[in-house]
C-alpha atoms as a PDB file:
ATOM      1  CA  MET A   1      71.313  17.562  69.224  1.00  0.00           C
ATOM      2  CA  ALA A   2      73.045  14.504  70.763  1.00  0.00           C
ATOM      3  CA  LEU A   3      71.195  11.994  72.935  1.00  0.00           C
ATOM      4  CA  SER A   4      72.233  11.614  76.515  1.00  0.00           C
ATOM      5  CA  PRO A   5      73.652   8.250  77.621  1.00  0.00           C
ATOM      6  CA  ALA A   6      70.605   7.629  79.842  1.00  0.00           C
ATOM      7  CA  MET A   7      68.192   8.097  76.918  1.00  0.00           C
ATOM      8  CA  ASP A   8      70.305   5.839  74.732  1.00  0.00           C
ATOM      9  CA  VAL A   9      70.190   3.095  77.326  1.00  0.00           C
ATOM     10  CA  ASP A  10      66.408   3.384  77.666  1.00  0.00           C
ATOM     11  CA  LEU A  11      65.788   3.047  73.912  1.00  0.00           C
ATOM     12  CA  LYS A  12      67.993   0.033  73.734  1.00  0.00           C
ATOM     13  CA  ARG A  13      66.165  -1.528  76.643  1.00  0.00           C
ATOM     14  CA  VAL A  14      62.805  -0.873  74.973  1.00  0.00           C
ATOM     15  CA  GLY A  15      64.044  -2.373  71.719  1.00  0.00           C
ATOM     16  CA  ASP A  16      65.317  -5.461  73.507  1.00  0.00           C
ATOM     17  CA  GLY A  17      62.033  -5.838  75.344  1.00  0.00           C
ATOM     18  CA  ILE A  18      60.073  -5.699  72.088  1.00  0.00           C
ATOM     19  CA  LYS A  19      62.410  -8.176  70.470  1.00  0.00           C
ATOM     20  CA  ARG A  20      62.004 -10.595  73.398  1.00  0.00           C
ATOM     21  CA  GLN A  21      58.190 -10.470  73.011  1.00  0.00           C
ATOM     22  CA  PHE A  22      58.486 -11.701  69.408  1.00  0.00           C
ATOM     23  CA  THR A  23      61.006 -14.408  70.251  1.00  0.00           C
ATOM     24  CA  GLY A  24      59.900 -18.028  70.692  1.00  0.00           C
ATOM     25  CA  LEU A  25      56.222 -17.469  69.849  1.00  0.00           C
ATOM     26  CA  ASP A  26      54.085 -20.629  69.700  1.00  0.00           C
ATOM     27  CA  ALA A  27      52.132 -20.478  66.453  1.00  0.00           C
ATOM     28  CA  ASN A  28      49.666 -23.092  67.730  1.00  0.00           C
ATOM     29  CA  ASN A  29      48.808 -21.127  70.868  1.00  0.00           C
ATOM     30  CA  PRO A  30      48.493 -17.377  70.119  1.00  0.00           C
ATOM     31  CA  ALA A  31      46.691 -16.872  73.438  1.00  0.00           C
ATOM     32  CA  SER A  32      50.004 -17.439  75.248  1.00  0.00           C
ATOM     33  CA  TRP A  33      51.774 -14.715  73.298  1.00  0.00           C
ATOM     34  CA  PRO A  34      52.876 -11.512  75.003  1.00  0.00           C
ATOM     35  CA  SER A  35      50.559  -8.536  74.734  1.00  0.00           C
ATOM     36  CA  LEU A  36      52.291  -6.729  71.864  1.00  0.00           C
ATOM     37  CA  PRO A  37      52.372  -9.539  69.267  1.00  0.00           C
ATOM     38  CA  LYS A  38      48.924 -10.669  70.447  1.00  0.00           C
ATOM     39  CA  ASN A  39      47.461  -7.190  69.923  1.00  0.00           C
ATOM     40  CA  LEU A  40      49.171  -6.863  66.568  1.00  0.00           C
ATOM     41  CA  LEU A  41      47.664 -10.224  65.523  1.00  0.00           C
ATOM     42  CA  TYR A  42      44.188  -9.085  66.585  1.00  0.00           C
ATOM     43  CA  LEU A  43      44.651  -5.857  64.653  1.00  0.00           C
ATOM     44  CA  ALA A  44      45.764  -7.750  61.512  1.00  0.00           C
ATOM     45  CA  LEU A  45      42.755 -10.086  61.757  1.00  0.00           C
ATOM     46  CA  CYS A  46      40.385  -7.141  62.153  1.00  0.00           C
ATOM     47  CA  ILE A  47      41.897  -5.435  59.135  1.00  0.00           C
ATOM     48  CA  ALA A  48      41.604  -8.680  57.072  1.00  0.00           C
ATOM     49  CA  VAL A  49      37.943  -9.190  58.072  1.00  0.00           C
ATOM     50  CA  VAL A  50      37.030  -5.576  57.314  1.00  0.00           C
ATOM     51  CA  ALA A  51      38.876  -5.734  53.985  1.00  0.00           C
ATOM     52  CA  GLY A  52      37.108  -8.992  53.061  1.00  0.00           C
ATOM     53  CA  LEU A  53      33.678  -7.636  53.944  1.00  0.00           C
ATOM     54  CA  TRP A  54      34.421  -4.453  52.054  1.00  0.00           C
ATOM     55  CA  TRP A  55      35.492  -6.411  48.958  1.00  0.00           C
ATOM     56  CA  PHE A  56      32.372  -8.599  48.968  1.00  0.00           C
ATOM     57  CA  TRP A  57      30.179  -5.561  49.464  1.00  0.00           C
ATOM     58  CA  LEU A  58      31.864  -3.743  46.611  1.00  0.00           C
ATOM     59  CA  SER A  59      31.436  -6.814  44.368  1.00  0.00           C
ATOM     60  CA  SER A  60      27.677  -6.971  44.972  1.00  0.00           C
ATOM     61  CA  VAL A  61      27.369  -3.218  44.495  1.00  0.00           C
ATOM     62  CA  ASN A  62      29.347  -3.446  41.251  1.00  0.00           C
ATOM     63  CA  GLU A  63      27.054  -6.195  39.925  1.00  0.00           C
ATOM     64  CA  GLN A  64      24.017  -4.116  40.843  1.00  0.00           C
ATOM     65  CA  LEU A  65      25.573  -1.105  39.137  1.00  0.00           C
ATOM     66  CA  ILE A  66      26.166  -3.075  35.930  1.00  0.00           C
ATOM     67  CA  ALA A  67      22.568  -4.370  35.992  1.00  0.00           C
ATOM     68  CA  GLU A  68      21.224  -0.841  36.463  1.00  0.00           C
ATOM     69  CA  GLN A  69      23.409   0.437  33.625  1.00  0.00           C
ATOM     70  CA  ASN A  70      22.040  -2.287  31.318  1.00  0.00           C
ATOM     71  CA  THR A  71      18.493  -1.396  32.361  1.00  0.00           C
ATOM     72  CA  GLU A  72      19.205   2.261  31.685  1.00  0.00           C
ATOM     73  CA  GLN A  73      20.496   1.447  28.199  1.00  0.00           C
ATOM     74  CA  LYS A  74      17.443  -0.700  27.489  1.00  0.00           C
ATOM     75  CA  LEU A  75      15.107   2.080  28.601  1.00  0.00           C
ATOM     76  CA  ARG A  76      17.001   4.574  26.454  1.00  0.00           C
ATOM     77  CA  ASP A  77      16.614   2.304  23.405  1.00  0.00           C
ATOM     78  CA  GLU A  78      12.892   1.858  24.097  1.00  0.00           C
ATOM     79  CA  TYR A  79      12.525   5.601  24.487  1.00  0.00           C
ATOM     80  CA  ARG A  80      14.250   6.254  21.159  1.00  0.00           C
ATOM     81  CA  GLY A  81      12.035   3.666  19.427  1.00  0.00           C
ATOM     82  CA  LYS A  82       8.852   5.127  20.882  1.00  0.00           C
ATOM     83  CA  LEU A  83      10.021   8.630  20.044  1.00  0.00           C
ATOM     84  CA  VAL A  84      10.485   7.627  16.400  1.00  0.00           C
ATOM     85  CA  GLN A  85       7.021   6.039  16.394  1.00  0.00           C
ATOM     86  CA  ALA A  86       5.515   9.162  17.915  1.00  0.00           C
ATOM     87  CA  VAL A  87       7.183  11.368  15.310  1.00  0.00           C
ATOM     88  CA  ASN A  88       5.956   9.101  12.475  1.00  0.00           C
ATOM     89  CA  LEU A  89       2.529   8.421  14.001  1.00  0.00           C
ATOM     90  CA  GLU A  90       0.534  10.303  11.376  1.00  0.00           C
ATOM     91  CA  ALA A  91       2.441   8.670   8.518  1.00  0.00           C
ATOM     92  CA  LEU A  92       1.927   5.238  10.105  1.00  0.00           C
ATOM     93  CA  LYS A  93      -1.807   5.895  10.427  1.00  0.00           C
ATOM     94  CA  LYS A  94      -2.005   6.743   6.727  1.00  0.00           C
ATOM     95  CA  GLN A  95      -0.057   3.604   5.847  1.00  0.00           C
ATOM     96  CA  LEU A  96      -2.419   1.545   8.003  1.00  0.00           C
ATOM     97  CA  VAL A  97      -5.432   2.927   6.141  1.00  0.00           C
ATOM     98  CA  GLN A  98      -3.778   2.127   2.798  1.00  0.00           C
ATOM     99  CA  VAL A  99      -2.945  -1.426   3.900  1.00  0.00           C
ATOM    100  CA  GLN A 100      -6.487  -1.993   5.122  1.00  0.00           C
ATOM    101  CA  GLN A 101      -7.867  -0.758   1.792  1.00  0.00           C
ATOM    102  CA  TYR A 102      -5.470  -3.033  -0.092  1.00  0.00           C
ATOM    103  CA  VAL A 103      -6.441  -6.041   2.028  1.00  0.00           C
ATOM    104  CA  SER A 104     -10.114  -5.236   1.477  1.00  0.00           C
ATOM    105  CA  GLN A 105      -9.561  -5.173  -2.295  1.00  0.00           C
ATOM    106  CA  LEU A 106      -7.789  -8.529  -2.170  1.00  0.00           C
ATOM    107  CA  GLU A 107     -10.584 -10.043  -0.083  1.00  0.00           C
ATOM    108  CA  LYS A 108     -13.092  -8.922  -2.702  1.00  0.00           C
ATOM    109  CA  GLN A 109     -11.092 -10.870  -5.288  1.00  0.00           C
ATOM    110  CA  LEU A 110     -11.496 -14.052  -3.257  1.00  0.00           C
ATOM    111  CA  PRO A 111     -14.831 -15.736  -3.843  1.00  0.00           C
ATOM    112  CA  SER A 112     -16.856 -17.312  -1.083  1.00  0.00           C
ATOM    113  CA  LYS A 113     -17.732 -20.994  -1.013  1.00  0.00           C
ATOM    114  CA  ALA A 114     -21.112 -20.243  -2.631  1.00  0.00           C
ATOM    115  CA  GLU A 115     -19.435 -18.350  -5.491  1.00  0.00           C
ATOM    116  CA  MET A 116     -16.962 -21.074  -6.436  1.00  0.00           C
ATOM    117  CA  ASP A 117     -19.292 -22.813  -8.899  1.00  0.00           C
ATOM    118  CA  ALA A 118     -19.866 -19.528 -10.727  1.00  0.00           C
ATOM    119  CA  LEU A 119     -16.103 -18.938 -10.901  1.00  0.00           C
ATOM    120  CA  LEU A 120     -15.484 -22.398 -12.351  1.00  0.00           C
ATOM    121  CA  SER A 121     -18.134 -21.642 -14.950  1.00  0.00           C
ATOM    122  CA  ASP A 122     -16.368 -18.354 -15.796  1.00  0.00           C
ATOM    123  CA  ILE A 123     -13.086 -20.216 -16.382  1.00  0.00           C
ATOM    124  CA  ASN A 124     -14.848 -22.692 -18.642  1.00  0.00           C
ATOM    125  CA  GLN A 125     -16.616 -19.942 -20.572  1.00  0.00           C
ATOM    126  CA  ALA A 126     -13.318 -18.077 -21.034  1.00  0.00           C
ATOM    127  CA  GLY A 127     -11.953 -21.103 -22.883  1.00  0.00           C
ATOM    128  CA  LEU A 128     -15.072 -21.685 -24.962  1.00  0.00           C
ATOM    129  CA  GLY A 129     -15.182 -17.983 -25.838  1.00  0.00           C
ATOM    130  CA  ARG A 130     -11.759 -18.358 -27.474  1.00  0.00           C
ATOM    131  CA  SER A 131     -12.868 -21.426 -29.455  1.00  0.00           C
ATOM    132  CA  LEU A 132     -10.759 -23.752 -27.350  1.00  0.00           C
ATOM    133  CA  GLN A 133     -11.712 -27.358 -26.845  1.00  0.00           C
ATOM    134  CA  PHE A 134     -11.559 -28.638 -23.259  1.00  0.00           C
ATOM    135  CA  GLU A 135     -10.199 -32.152 -23.059  1.00  0.00           C
ATOM    136  CA  LEU A 136      -9.828 -32.008 -19.281  1.00  0.00           C
ATOM    137  CA  PHE A 137     -11.336 -29.785 -16.610  1.00  0.00           C
ATOM    138  CA  ARG A 138     -11.030 -31.574 -13.278  1.00  0.00           C
ATOM    139  CA  PRO A 139     -11.169 -29.709  -9.932  1.00  0.00           C
ATOM    140  CA  GLY A 140      -8.932 -31.288  -7.310  1.00  0.00           C
ATOM    141  CA  ASN A 141      -9.111 -31.464  -3.538  1.00  0.00           C
ATOM    142  CA  VAL A 142      -9.505 -28.223  -1.651  1.00  0.00           C
ATOM    143  CA  SER A 143      -6.429 -27.334   0.424  1.00  0.00           C
ATOM    144  CA  VAL A 144      -7.404 -25.312   3.493  1.00  0.00           C
ATOM    145  CA  LYS A 145      -4.796 -22.835   4.700  1.00  0.00           C
ATOM    146  CA  GLU A 146      -4.875 -20.593   7.764  1.00  0.00           C
ATOM    147  CA  TYR A 147      -7.034 -17.841   6.249  1.00  0.00           C
ATOM    148  CA  TYR A 148      -8.036 -19.121   2.818  1.00  0.00           C
ATOM    149  CA  ALA A 149      -8.708 -22.254   0.792  1.00  0.00           C
ATOM    150  CA  GLU A 150      -6.946 -23.224  -2.423  1.00  0.00           C
ATOM    151  CA  LEU A 151      -8.645 -25.200  -5.237  1.00  0.00           C
ATOM    152  CA  PRO A 152      -6.430 -26.658  -7.981  1.00  0.00           C
ATOM    153  CA  ILE A 153      -8.016 -27.488 -11.329  1.00  0.00           C
ATOM    154  CA  ALA A 154      -6.324 -29.736 -13.876  1.00  0.00           C
ATOM    155  CA  VAL A 155      -6.912 -28.216 -17.328  1.00  0.00           C
ATOM    156  CA  ARG A 156      -6.122 -29.474 -20.826  1.00  0.00           C
ATOM    157  CA  VAL A 157      -7.274 -27.447 -23.819  1.00  0.00           C
ATOM    158  CA  THR A 158      -6.496 -27.520 -27.540  1.00  0.00           C
ATOM    159  CA  GLY A 159      -6.577 -24.635 -29.963  1.00  0.00           C
ATOM    160  CA  GLY A 160      -4.503 -22.113 -31.837  1.00  0.00           C
ATOM    161  CA  TYR A 161      -1.483 -20.389 -30.318  1.00  0.00           C
ATOM    162  CA  HIS A 162      -3.103 -16.953 -30.254  1.00  0.00           C
ATOM    163  CA  ASP A 163      -6.372 -18.313 -28.889  1.00  0.00           C
ATOM    164  CA  ILE A 164      -4.533 -20.003 -26.031  1.00  0.00           C
ATOM    165  CA  GLY A 165      -2.666 -16.766 -25.314  1.00  0.00           C
ATOM    166  CA  LEU A 166      -5.929 -14.793 -25.275  1.00  0.00           C
ATOM    167  CA  PHE A 167      -7.463 -17.418 -22.991  1.00  0.00           C
ATOM    168  CA  ALA A 168      -4.580 -16.943 -20.517  1.00  0.00           C
ATOM    169  CA  ALA A 169      -5.118 -13.163 -20.677  1.00  0.00           C
ATOM    170  CA  ASP A 170      -8.856 -13.599 -20.033  1.00  0.00           C
ATOM    171  CA  ILE A 171      -8.084 -15.719 -16.969  1.00  0.00           C
ATOM    172  CA  ALA A 172      -5.751 -13.000 -15.665  1.00  0.00           C
ATOM    173  CA  ASN A 173      -8.490 -10.385 -16.143  1.00  0.00           C
ATOM    174  CA  LEU A 174     -11.185 -12.258 -14.236  1.00  0.00           C
ATOM    175  CA  SER A 175     -12.615 -10.355 -11.291  1.00  0.00           C
ATOM    176  CA  ARG A 176     -11.511 -13.211  -9.032  1.00  0.00           C
ATOM    177  CA  ILE A 177      -7.941 -14.393  -8.493  1.00  0.00           C
ATOM    178  CA  VAL A 178      -7.047 -17.339 -10.755  1.00  0.00           C
ATOM    179  CA  THR A 179      -3.467 -18.369 -11.560  1.00  0.00           C
ATOM    180  CA  LEU A 180      -2.201 -20.723 -14.247  1.00  0.00           C
ATOM    181  CA  ASN A 181       0.639 -22.954 -13.062  1.00  0.00           C
ATOM    182  CA  ASN A 182       2.866 -25.669 -14.557  1.00  0.00           C
ATOM    183  CA  ILE A 183       1.984 -24.661 -18.104  1.00  0.00           C
ATOM    184  CA  SER A 184       3.183 -26.862 -20.946  1.00  0.00           C
ATOM    185  CA  LEU A 185       2.483 -26.477 -24.688  1.00  0.00           C
ATOM    186  CA  GLU A 186       2.936 -29.168 -27.311  1.00  0.00           C
ATOM    187  CA  PRO A 187       1.752 -29.530 -30.903  1.00  0.00           C
ATOM    188  CA  THR A 188      -1.260 -31.722 -31.563  1.00  0.00           C
ATOM    189  CA  ARG A 189      -0.698 -34.679 -33.865  1.00  0.00           C
ATOM    190  CA  ASP A 190      -2.264 -34.554 -37.323  1.00  0.00           C
ATOM    191  CA  ARG A 191      -3.554 -30.999 -36.720  1.00  0.00           C
ATOM    192  CA  ASP A 192      -1.282 -28.287 -38.084  1.00  0.00           C
ATOM    193  CA  GLY A 193      -1.210 -25.056 -36.062  1.00  0.00           C
ATOM    194  CA  ILE A 194      -3.136 -26.607 -33.162  1.00  0.00           C
ATOM    195  CA  LEU A 195      -1.529 -26.807 -29.737  1.00  0.00           C
ATOM    196  CA  THR A 196      -2.381 -28.649 -26.562  1.00  0.00           C
ATOM    197  CA  MET A 197      -1.916 -26.774 -23.293  1.00  0.00           C
ATOM    198  CA  ASN A 198      -1.725 -28.608 -19.994  1.00  0.00           C
ATOM    199  CA  CYS A 199      -1.770 -26.551 -16.824  1.00  0.00           C
ATOM    200  CA  THR A 200      -3.061 -26.336 -13.282  1.00  0.00           C
ATOM    201  CA  ALA A 201      -5.418 -23.458 -12.679  1.00  0.00           C
ATOM    202  CA  LYS A 202      -5.535 -22.424  -9.045  1.00  0.00           C
ATOM    203  CA  THR A 203      -8.263 -20.329  -7.555  1.00  0.00           C
ATOM    204  CA  PHE A 204      -8.670 -19.207  -3.988  1.00  0.00           C
ATOM    205  CA  ARG A 205     -11.549 -18.424  -1.698  1.00  0.00           C
ATOM    206  CA  TYR A 206     -11.775 -17.007   1.782  1.00  0.00           C
ATOM    207  CA  LEU A 207     -12.951 -19.197   4.638  1.00  0.00           C
ATOM    208  CA  ASP A 208     -16.349 -18.692   6.230  1.00  0.00           C
ATOM    209  CA  GLN A 209     -16.657 -18.200   9.995  1.00  0.00           C
ATOM    210  CA  GLU A 210     -17.292 -21.885  10.670  1.00  0.00           C
ATOM    211  CA  GLU A 211     -14.192 -22.928   8.711  1.00  0.00           C
ATOM    212  CA  ILE A 212     -12.056 -20.273  10.445  1.00  0.00           C
ATOM    213  CA  ALA A 213     -13.183 -21.524  13.855  1.00  0.00           C
ATOM    214  CA  GLN A 214     -12.430 -25.124  12.848  1.00  0.00           C
ATOM    215  CA  GLN A 215      -9.006 -24.128  11.532  1.00  0.00           C
ATOM    216  CA  GLN A 216      -8.191 -22.324  14.773  1.00  0.00           C
ATOM    217  CA  GLU A 217      -9.213 -25.365  16.805  1.00  0.00           C
ATOM    218  CA  THR A 218      -6.955 -27.533  14.658  1.00  0.00           C
ATOM    219  CA  THR A 219      -4.039 -25.128  15.135  1.00  0.00           C
ATOM    220  CA  VAL A 220      -4.554 -25.053  18.906  1.00  0.00           C
ATOM    221  CA  GLY A 221      -4.752 -28.853  19.016  1.00  0.00           C
ATOM    222  CA  LYS A 222      -1.462 -29.196  17.129  1.00  0.00           C
ATOM    223  CA  GLY A 223       0.139 -26.727  19.513  1.00  0.00           C
ATOM    224  CA  LYS A 224      -0.936 -28.755  22.544  1.00  0.00           C
ATOM    225  CA  LYS A 225       0.380 -31.972  21.015  1.00  0.00           C
ATOM    226  CA  GLY A 226       3.704 -30.295  20.277  1.00  0.00           C
ATOM    227  CA  ALA A 227       3.916 -29.019  23.860  1.00  0.00           C
ATOM    228  CA  LYS A 228       3.323 -32.516  25.257  1.00  0.00           C
ATOM    229  CA  LYS A 229       6.193 -33.892  23.193  1.00  0.00           C
END
């Protein structure tokens, strides 16, 4: 359908009018612009502001979403761990009883402070019972650890090879824990078949309540000094 000449003239006039409104606009004074470009500018600004606010809002929501997803994963991992513990609870209880029994047996092998003299006498008698001659039996300084005390004893004995071996076996079979460390064997001059054994015998005892309290105070004091540094 063809346009009439009157309609063609009107469209051209409208187009020219629009073109004139966008001609010679002062960028420093938008308030002086004609209504059409002014309204279009306002519309563009509104769209930019809304888009900016929407982007910032989406950014914060996205960060919150990521944080919640991490929390969800952490909770899932904790749930799986607790589920495994719940499934193995009975087995863990049995293991705990076994560990407690084992610890109790070890504690019984540690003498108290009052029993140390008797233990030193047992070590000495073990050597004499194998016809060994003690040339040195010198207890050293007690080294206090967190839950126990360690007593080193410098030992030098002379005797036959088999007697020394049996003496070491007797020490291992004592009811209390005694270890032989830094063992050295060398032949004795002018005495065929006789050896000299130098070693450090270490025995251990558990701390009494007073010593445990003192050790804890020392540990706490060191912690405070370290914190101040």
